[in-house]
C-alpha atoms as a PDB file:
ATOM      1  CA  MET A   1      14.691 100.721 -51.634  1.00  0.00           C
ATOM      2  CA  ASP A   2      17.761 100.561 -49.547  1.00  0.00           C
ATOM      3  CA  LYS A   3      19.357  97.472 -48.063  1.00  0.00           C
ATOM      4  CA  LYS A   4      17.760  97.981 -44.670  1.00  0.00           C
ATOM      5  CA  ASP A   5      14.261  97.986 -46.115  1.00  0.00           C
ATOM      6  CA  LYS A   6      15.045  94.859 -48.162  1.00  0.00           C
ATOM      7  CA  LYS A   7      16.225  93.027 -45.041  1.00  0.00           C
ATOM      8  CA  ILE A   8      13.059  93.979 -43.104  1.00  0.00           C
ATOM      9  CA  LYS A   9      10.914  92.779 -46.001  1.00  0.00           C
ATOM     10  CA  SER A  10      12.842  89.506 -46.248  1.00  0.00           C
ATOM     11  CA  ASP A  11      12.512  88.859 -42.500  1.00  0.00           C
ATOM     12  CA  ALA A  12       8.753  89.471 -42.680  1.00  0.00           C
ATOM     13  CA  GLN A  13       8.404  86.973 -45.525  1.00  0.00           C
ATOM     14  CA  ASP A  14      10.347  84.346 -43.537  1.00  0.00           C
ATOM     15  CA  GLU A  15       8.079  84.822 -40.531  1.00  0.00           C
ATOM     16  CA  VAL A  16       4.997  84.369 -42.713  1.00  0.00           C
ATOM     17  CA  LYS A  17       6.410  81.153 -44.184  1.00  0.00           C
ATOM     18  CA  THR A  18       7.254  79.799 -40.715  1.00  0.00           C
ATOM     19  CA  ALA A  19       3.786  80.576 -39.336  1.00  0.00           C
ATOM     20  CA  THR A  20       2.178  78.960 -42.392  1.00  0.00           C
ATOM     21  CA  ALA A  21       4.256  75.762 -41.969  1.00  0.00           C
ATOM     22  CA  GLN A  22       3.392  75.527 -38.258  1.00  0.00           C
ATOM     23  CA  ALA A  23      -0.309  75.899 -39.033  1.00  0.00           C
ATOM     24  CA  VAL A  24      -0.119  73.080 -41.578  1.00  0.00           C
ATOM     25  CA  ASP A  25       1.692  70.805 -39.081  1.00  0.00           C
ATOM     26  CA  THR A  26      -0.892  71.548 -36.413  1.00  0.00           C
ATOM     27  CA  GLN A  27      -3.723  70.616 -38.772  1.00  0.00           C
ATOM     28  CA  GLN A  28      -1.979  67.322 -39.617  1.00  0.00           C
ATOM     29  CA  GLU A  29      -1.311  66.362 -36.012  1.00  0.00           C
ATOM     30  CA  GLU A  30      -4.657  67.286 -34.492  1.00  0.00           C
ATOM     31  CA  PRO A  31      -7.691  65.316 -35.689  1.00  0.00           C
ATOM     32  CA  THR A  32     -10.685  67.257 -36.792  1.00  0.00           C
ATOM     33  CA  SER A  33     -13.701  67.432 -34.592  1.00  0.00           C
ATOM     34  CA  SER A  34     -15.526  64.988 -36.887  1.00  0.00           C
ATOM     35  CA  GLU A  35     -12.718  62.419 -36.580  1.00  0.00           C
ATOM     36  CA  THR A  36     -12.680  62.758 -32.795  1.00  0.00           C
ATOM     37  CA  ALA A  37     -16.413  62.243 -32.671  1.00  0.00           C
ATOM     38  CA  GLY A  38     -16.080  59.095 -34.797  1.00  0.00           C
ATOM     39  CA  GLN A  39     -13.407  57.631 -32.542  1.00  0.00           C
ATOM     40  CA  GLU A  40     -15.487  58.313 -29.438  1.00  0.00           C
ATOM     41  CA  ALA A  41     -18.480  56.684 -31.094  1.00  0.00           C
ATOM     42  CA  ASN A  42     -16.451  53.513 -31.879  1.00  0.00           C
ATOM     43  CA  ALA A  43     -14.914  53.204 -28.336  1.00  0.00           C
ATOM     44  CA  PRO A  44     -16.983  50.952 -25.973  1.00  0.00           C
ATOM     45  CA  SER A  45     -18.588  52.681 -23.051  1.00  0.00           C
ATOM     46  CA  GLU A  46     -17.733  51.815 -19.432  1.00  0.00           C
ATOM     47  CA  LEU A  47     -21.064  49.975 -19.072  1.00  0.00           C
ATOM     48  CA  GLU A  48     -20.365  47.872 -22.164  1.00  0.00           C
ATOM     49  CA  GLN A  49     -16.895  47.027 -20.854  1.00  0.00           C
ATOM     50  CA  LYS A  50     -18.398  45.841 -17.554  1.00  0.00           C
ATOM     51  CA  GLU A  51     -20.968  43.751 -19.403  1.00  0.00           C
ATOM     52  CA  LEU A  52     -18.218  42.127 -21.490  1.00  0.00           C
ATOM     53  CA  GLU A  53     -16.205  41.436 -18.328  1.00  0.00           C
ATOM     54  CA  ASN A  54     -19.281  39.853 -16.696  1.00  0.00           C
ATOM     55  CA  VAL A  55     -19.793  37.600 -19.705  1.00  0.00           C
ATOM     56  CA  ARG A  56     -16.149  36.521 -19.598  1.00  0.00           C
ATOM     57  CA  LEU A  57     -16.315  35.809 -15.861  1.00  0.00           C
ATOM     58  CA  LYS A  58     -19.546  33.842 -16.304  1.00  0.00           C
ATOM     59  CA  GLU A  59     -17.914  31.662 -18.960  1.00  0.00           C
ATOM     60  CA  GLN A  60     -14.930  31.036 -16.669  1.00  0.00           C
ATOM     61  CA  LEU A  61     -17.279  30.123 -13.805  1.00  0.00           C
ATOM     62  CA  GLU A  62     -19.205  27.651 -15.967  1.00  0.00           C
ATOM     63  CA  THR A  63     -15.929  26.049 -17.107  1.00  0.00           C
ATOM     64  CA  ALA A  64     -14.717  25.747 -13.503  1.00  0.00           C
ATOM     65  CA  GLN A  65     -18.058  24.220 -12.435  1.00  0.00           C
ATOM     66  CA  ARG A  66     -17.855  21.626 -15.214  1.00  0.00           C
ATOM     67  CA  GLU A  67     -14.289  20.732 -14.205  1.00  0.00           C
ATOM     68  CA  LEU A  68     -15.349  20.488 -10.545  1.00  0.00           C
ATOM     69  CA  ALA A  69     -18.247  18.173 -11.419  1.00  0.00           C
ATOM     70  CA  SER A  70     -15.900  15.987 -13.471  1.00  0.00           C
ATOM     71  CA  LEU A  71     -13.378  15.789 -10.619  1.00  0.00           C
ATOM     72  CA  LYS A  72     -16.137  14.963  -8.128  1.00  0.00           C
ATOM     73  CA  GLU A  73     -17.407  12.168 -10.355  1.00  0.00           C
ATOM     74  CA  GLN A  74     -13.883  10.789 -10.735  1.00  0.00           C
ATOM     75  CA  MET A  75     -13.349  10.971  -6.966  1.00  0.00           C
ATOM     76  CA  LEU A  76     -16.570   9.005  -6.354  1.00  0.00           C
ATOM     77  CA  ARG A  77     -15.474   6.346  -8.843  1.00  0.00           C
ATOM     78  CA  ASP A  78     -12.034   6.111  -7.233  1.00  0.00           C
ATOM     79  CA  ARG A  79     -13.615   5.840  -3.775  1.00  0.00           C
ATOM     80  CA  ALA A  80     -15.906   3.053  -4.954  1.00  0.00           C
ATOM     81  CA  ASP A  81     -12.962   1.210  -6.529  1.00  0.00           C
ATOM     82  CA  LEU A  82     -10.959   1.585  -3.313  1.00  0.00           C
ATOM     83  CA  GLU A  83     -13.849   0.269  -1.208  1.00  0.00           C
ATOM     84  CA  ASN A  84     -14.277  -2.731  -3.511  1.00  0.00           C
ATOM     85  CA  TYR A  85     -10.523  -3.390  -3.320  1.00  0.00           C
ATOM     86  CA  ARG A  86     -10.628  -3.205   0.490  1.00  0.00           C
ATOM     87  CA  LYS A  87     -13.535  -5.658   0.646  1.00  0.00           C
ATOM     88  CA  ARG A  88     -11.714  -8.008  -1.724  1.00  0.00           C
ATOM     89  CA  LEU A  89      -8.594  -7.902   0.473  1.00  0.00           C
ATOM     90  CA  ILE A  90     -10.668  -8.715   3.568  1.00  0.00           C
ATOM     91  CA  ARG A  91     -12.367 -11.579   1.754  1.00  0.00           C
ATOM     92  CA  ASP A  92      -9.045 -12.940   0.475  1.00  0.00           C
ATOM     93  CA  LYS A  93      -7.547 -12.702   3.967  1.00  0.00           C
ATOM     94  CA  GLU A  94     -10.483 -14.558   5.482  1.00  0.00           C
ATOM     95  CA  ASP A  95     -10.173 -17.257   2.827  1.00  0.00           C
ATOM     96  CA  SER A  96      -6.432 -17.504   3.458  1.00  0.00           C
ATOM     97  CA  ILE A  97      -7.007 -18.004   7.169  1.00  0.00           C
ATOM     98  CA  ARG A  98      -9.841 -20.451   6.615  1.00  0.00           C
ATOM     99  CA  PHE A  99      -7.875 -22.568   4.141  1.00  0.00           C
ATOM    100  CA  ALA A 100      -4.363 -21.980   5.522  1.00  0.00           C
ATOM    101  CA  ASN A 101      -4.088 -25.606   6.686  1.00  0.00           C
ATOM    102  CA  GLU A 102      -5.582 -27.117   3.537  1.00  0.00           C
ATOM    103  CA  ASN A 103      -2.337 -28.754   2.418  1.00  0.00           C
ATOM    104  CA  LEU A 104      -1.624 -30.021   5.944  1.00  0.00           C
ATOM    105  CA  ILE A 105      -5.043 -31.640   6.140  1.00  0.00           C
ATOM    106  CA  LYS A 106      -4.518 -33.268   2.757  1.00  0.00           C
ATOM    107  CA  ASP A 107      -1.230 -34.751   3.994  1.00  0.00           C
ATOM    108  CA  LEU A 108      -2.932 -36.143   7.107  1.00  0.00           C
ATOM    109  CA  LEU A 109      -5.754 -37.819   5.211  1.00  0.00           C
ATOM    110  CA  GLN A 110      -3.650 -40.808   4.140  1.00  0.00           C
ATOM    111  CA  PRO A 111      -2.444 -41.704   7.667  1.00  0.00           C
ATOM    112  CA  LEU A 112      -6.014 -41.229   8.879  1.00  0.00           C
ATOM    113  CA  ASP A 113      -7.289 -43.646   6.218  1.00  0.00           C
ATOM    114  CA  ASP A 114      -4.622 -46.197   7.165  1.00  0.00           C
ATOM    115  CA  PHE A 115      -5.534 -45.900  10.821  1.00  0.00           C
ATOM    116  CA  SER A 116      -9.216 -46.493  10.035  1.00  0.00           C
ATOM    117  CA  ARG A 117      -8.394 -49.565   7.958  1.00  0.00           C
ATOM    118  CA  ALA A 118      -6.227 -50.972  10.764  1.00  0.00           C
ATOM    119  CA  LEU A 119      -9.085 -50.546  13.238  1.00  0.00           C
ATOM    120  CA  GLU A 120     -11.560 -52.194  10.867  1.00  0.00           C
ATOM    121  CA  ALA A 121      -9.223 -55.161  10.338  1.00  0.00           C
ATOM    122  CA  ALA A 122      -8.723 -55.583  14.078  1.00  0.00           C
ATOM    123  CA  GLU A 123     -12.470 -55.467  14.741  1.00  0.00           C
ATOM    124  CA  SER A 124     -13.258 -58.021  12.059  1.00  0.00           C
ATOM    125  CA  THR A 125     -10.559 -60.500  13.109  1.00  0.00           C
ATOM    126  CA  LYS A 126     -10.400 -59.659  16.806  1.00  0.00           C
ATOM    127  CA  ASP A 127      -6.649 -59.722  16.367  1.00  0.00           C
ATOM    128  CA  TYR A 128      -5.499 -56.819  18.462  1.00  0.00           C
ATOM    129  CA  ALA A 129      -1.903 -57.452  17.511  1.00  0.00           C
ATOM    130  CA  LYS A 130      -2.901 -55.963  14.185  1.00  0.00           C
ATOM    131  CA  VAL A 131      -4.166 -52.906  15.995  1.00  0.00           C
ATOM    132  CA  HIS A 132      -0.745 -52.467  17.534  1.00  0.00           C
ATOM    133  CA  ASP A 133       0.975 -52.922  14.192  1.00  0.00           C
ATOM    134  CA  GLY A 134      -1.467 -50.544  12.530  1.00  0.00           C
ATOM    135  CA  VAL A 135      -0.960 -47.865  15.172  1.00  0.00           C
ATOM    136  CA  VAL A 136       2.828 -48.169  14.856  1.00  0.00           C
ATOM    137  CA  MET A 137       2.576 -47.872  11.091  1.00  0.00           C
ATOM    138  CA  VAL A 138       0.276 -44.834  11.216  1.00  0.00           C
ATOM    139  CA  ASN A 139       2.442 -43.137  13.834  1.00  0.00           C
ATOM    140  CA  SER A 140       5.546 -43.611  11.691  1.00  0.00           C
ATOM    141  CA  GLN A 141       3.778 -42.470   8.549  1.00  0.00           C
ATOM    142  CA  LEU A 142       2.279 -39.444  10.256  1.00  0.00           C
ATOM    143  CA  TYR A 143       5.577 -38.215  11.702  1.00  0.00           C
ATOM    144  CA  SER A 144       7.376 -38.872   8.415  1.00  0.00           C
ATOM    145  CA  THR A 145       4.810 -36.750   6.549  1.00  0.00           C
ATOM    146  CA  LEU A 146       5.030 -33.863   9.002  1.00  0.00           C
ATOM    147  CA  GLU A 147       8.829 -34.006   9.071  1.00  0.00           C
ATOM    148  CA  LYS A 148       9.272 -34.181   5.309  1.00  0.00           C
ATOM    149  CA  ASN A 149       6.580 -31.752   4.174  1.00  0.00           C
ATOM    150  CA  TRP A 150       6.165 -29.395   7.119  1.00  0.00           C
ATOM    151  CA  GLY A 151       9.525 -29.085   8.861  1.00  0.00           C
ATOM    152  CA  LEU A 152       8.526 -30.864  12.067  1.00  0.00           C
ATOM    153  CA  GLN A 153      11.419 -32.205  14.176  1.00  0.00           C
ATOM    154  CA  LYS A 154      11.508 -34.109  17.453  1.00  0.00           C
ATOM    155  CA  ILE A 155      13.555 -32.644  20.289  1.00  0.00           C
ATOM    156  CA  GLU A 156      16.150 -35.087  21.558  1.00  0.00           C
ATOM    157  CA  SER A 157      15.927 -35.179  25.340  1.00  0.00           C
ATOM    158  CA  VAL A 158      16.999 -38.332  27.234  1.00  0.00           C
ATOM    159  CA  GLY A 159      20.722 -38.270  28.041  1.00  0.00           C
ATOM    160  CA  LYS A 160      21.062 -34.647  26.864  1.00  0.00           C
ATOM    161  CA  GLU A 161      22.090 -31.751  29.067  1.00  0.00           C
ATOM    162  CA  PHE A 162      19.041 -29.896  30.360  1.00  0.00           C
ATOM    163  CA  ASN A 163      18.184 -26.927  28.138  1.00  0.00           C
ATOM    164  CA  PRO A 164      15.399 -24.679  29.524  1.00  0.00           C
ATOM    165  CA  GLU A 165      14.627 -23.472  25.990  1.00  0.00           C
ATOM    166  CA  GLU A 166      13.824 -27.010  24.813  1.00  0.00           C
ATOM    167  CA  HIS A 167      13.005 -28.876  28.032  1.00  0.00           C
ATOM    168  CA  GLU A 168      10.426 -28.299  30.736  1.00  0.00           C
ATOM    169  CA  ALA A 169      11.321 -29.927  34.046  1.00  0.00           C
ATOM    170  CA  TYR A 170       8.404 -31.863  35.536  1.00  0.00           C
ATOM    171  CA  MET A 171      10.578 -33.556  38.123  1.00  0.00           C
ATOM    172  CA  VAL A 172      14.052 -32.929  39.515  1.00  0.00           C
ATOM    173  CA  VAL A 173      16.183 -35.506  41.391  1.00  0.00           C
ATOM    174  CA  VAL A 174      19.691 -35.378  42.794  1.00  0.00           C
ATOM    175  CA  ASP A 175      22.178 -37.786  41.237  1.00  0.00           C
ATOM    176  CA  ASP A 176      25.741 -37.970  42.556  1.00  0.00           C
ATOM    177  CA  SER A 177      26.981 -39.499  39.316  1.00  0.00           C
ATOM    178  CA  LEU A 178      26.113 -36.448  37.262  1.00  0.00           C
ATOM    179  CA  GLU A 179      28.395 -33.510  36.573  1.00  0.00           C
ATOM    180  CA  ALA A 180      25.690 -31.344  34.976  1.00  0.00           C
ATOM    181  CA  GLU A 181      21.901 -31.176  34.902  1.00  0.00           C
ATOM    182  CA  THR A 182      20.844 -34.003  32.599  1.00  0.00           C
ATOM    183  CA  VAL A 183      17.509 -35.217  31.245  1.00  0.00           C
ATOM    184  CA  LEU A 184      16.871 -38.674  32.714  1.00  0.00           C
ATOM    185  CA  GLN A 185      13.367 -39.367  31.423  1.00  0.00           C
ATOM    186  CA  GLU A 186      10.960 -37.953  28.845  1.00  0.00           C
ATOM    187  CA  PHE A 187       7.270 -37.743  29.745  1.00  0.00           C
ATOM    188  CA  ILE A 188       6.013 -35.873  26.665  1.00  0.00           C
ATOM    189  CA  VAL A 189       7.908 -35.518  23.416  1.00  0.00           C
ATOM    190  CA  GLY A 190       8.810 -31.963  22.373  1.00  0.00           C
ATOM    191  CA  TYR A 191       8.909 -30.675  18.814  1.00  0.00           C
ATOM    192  CA  LYS A 192      10.496 -27.944  16.733  1.00  0.00           C
ATOM    193  CA  LEU A 193       9.022 -26.377  13.615  1.00  0.00           C
ATOM    194  CA  HIS A 194      11.658 -25.211  11.126  1.00  0.00           C
ATOM    195  CA  GLY A 195      14.157 -25.013  13.984  1.00  0.00           C
ATOM    196  CA  ARG A 196      11.926 -23.050  16.360  1.00  0.00           C
ATOM    197  CA  VAL A 197      10.584 -24.723  19.489  1.00  0.00           C
ATOM    198  CA  LEU A 198       6.941 -25.564  18.928  1.00  0.00           C
ATOM    199  CA  ARG A 199       6.483 -27.436  22.201  1.00  0.00           C
ATOM    200  CA  PRO A 200       9.168 -28.163  24.821  1.00  0.00           C
ATOM    201  CA  SER A 201       9.700 -31.712  26.060  1.00  0.00           C
ATOM    202  CA  LYS A 202       8.273 -32.517  29.507  1.00  0.00           C
ATOM    203  CA  VAL A 203      11.135 -34.259  31.286  1.00  0.00           C
ATOM    204  CA  LYS A 204      12.661 -35.584  34.486  1.00  0.00           C
ATOM    205  CA  VAL A 205      15.950 -33.853  35.283  1.00  0.00           C
ATOM    206  CA  GLY A 206      18.889 -35.253  37.214  1.00  0.00           C
ATOM    207  CA  LYS A 207      20.805 -32.667  39.210  1.00  0.00           C
ATOM    208  CA  PRO A 208      24.394 -33.178  40.450  1.00  0.00           C
ATOM    209  CA  ASN A 209      24.930 -33.142  44.221  1.00  0.00           C
ATOM    210  CA  VAL A 210      26.889 -29.948  44.740  1.00  0.00           C
END
């Protein structure tokens, strides 16, 4: 056998080996028909997948409904608490208005008692001088209580320059001796409460002759 024939024979053997190796690789890579059938049998069908999805969605819906019911219950409780709080505020406000002057009334009870005792003493003795003294005492005590405890202050008027914020002119006369409008007489006493005019004084005003 010459060299040419040996080379042809060697090439043929190499081709056989290559084809054999490729066949083995193909068998390893591709599953057998029985394996493919087993995998298809284990894979869930489209209907089963939809059923599983429906079950999952149903569970989510039930969870959401429970959470919604809980939130609704909490909202109703909060609304009831808010309504009770609102009613309590209204009740407290009404009580505050109704009893706002409680301390003032308590302070006025003592002068009222003294005034009643003065009247009783005057009636029993027919000594009306005691009535006068009792009235003076009660008047002093009453003003002192309101001034000390409640910030009441008399407005000074007679001899003062007329101030329209504190004085209300009931009568006006011309007086040549005056250089400015001046309060000559006080008809009704005016008062301030904590510095703010509570009631202006009713006065007679003297006006310079210009």
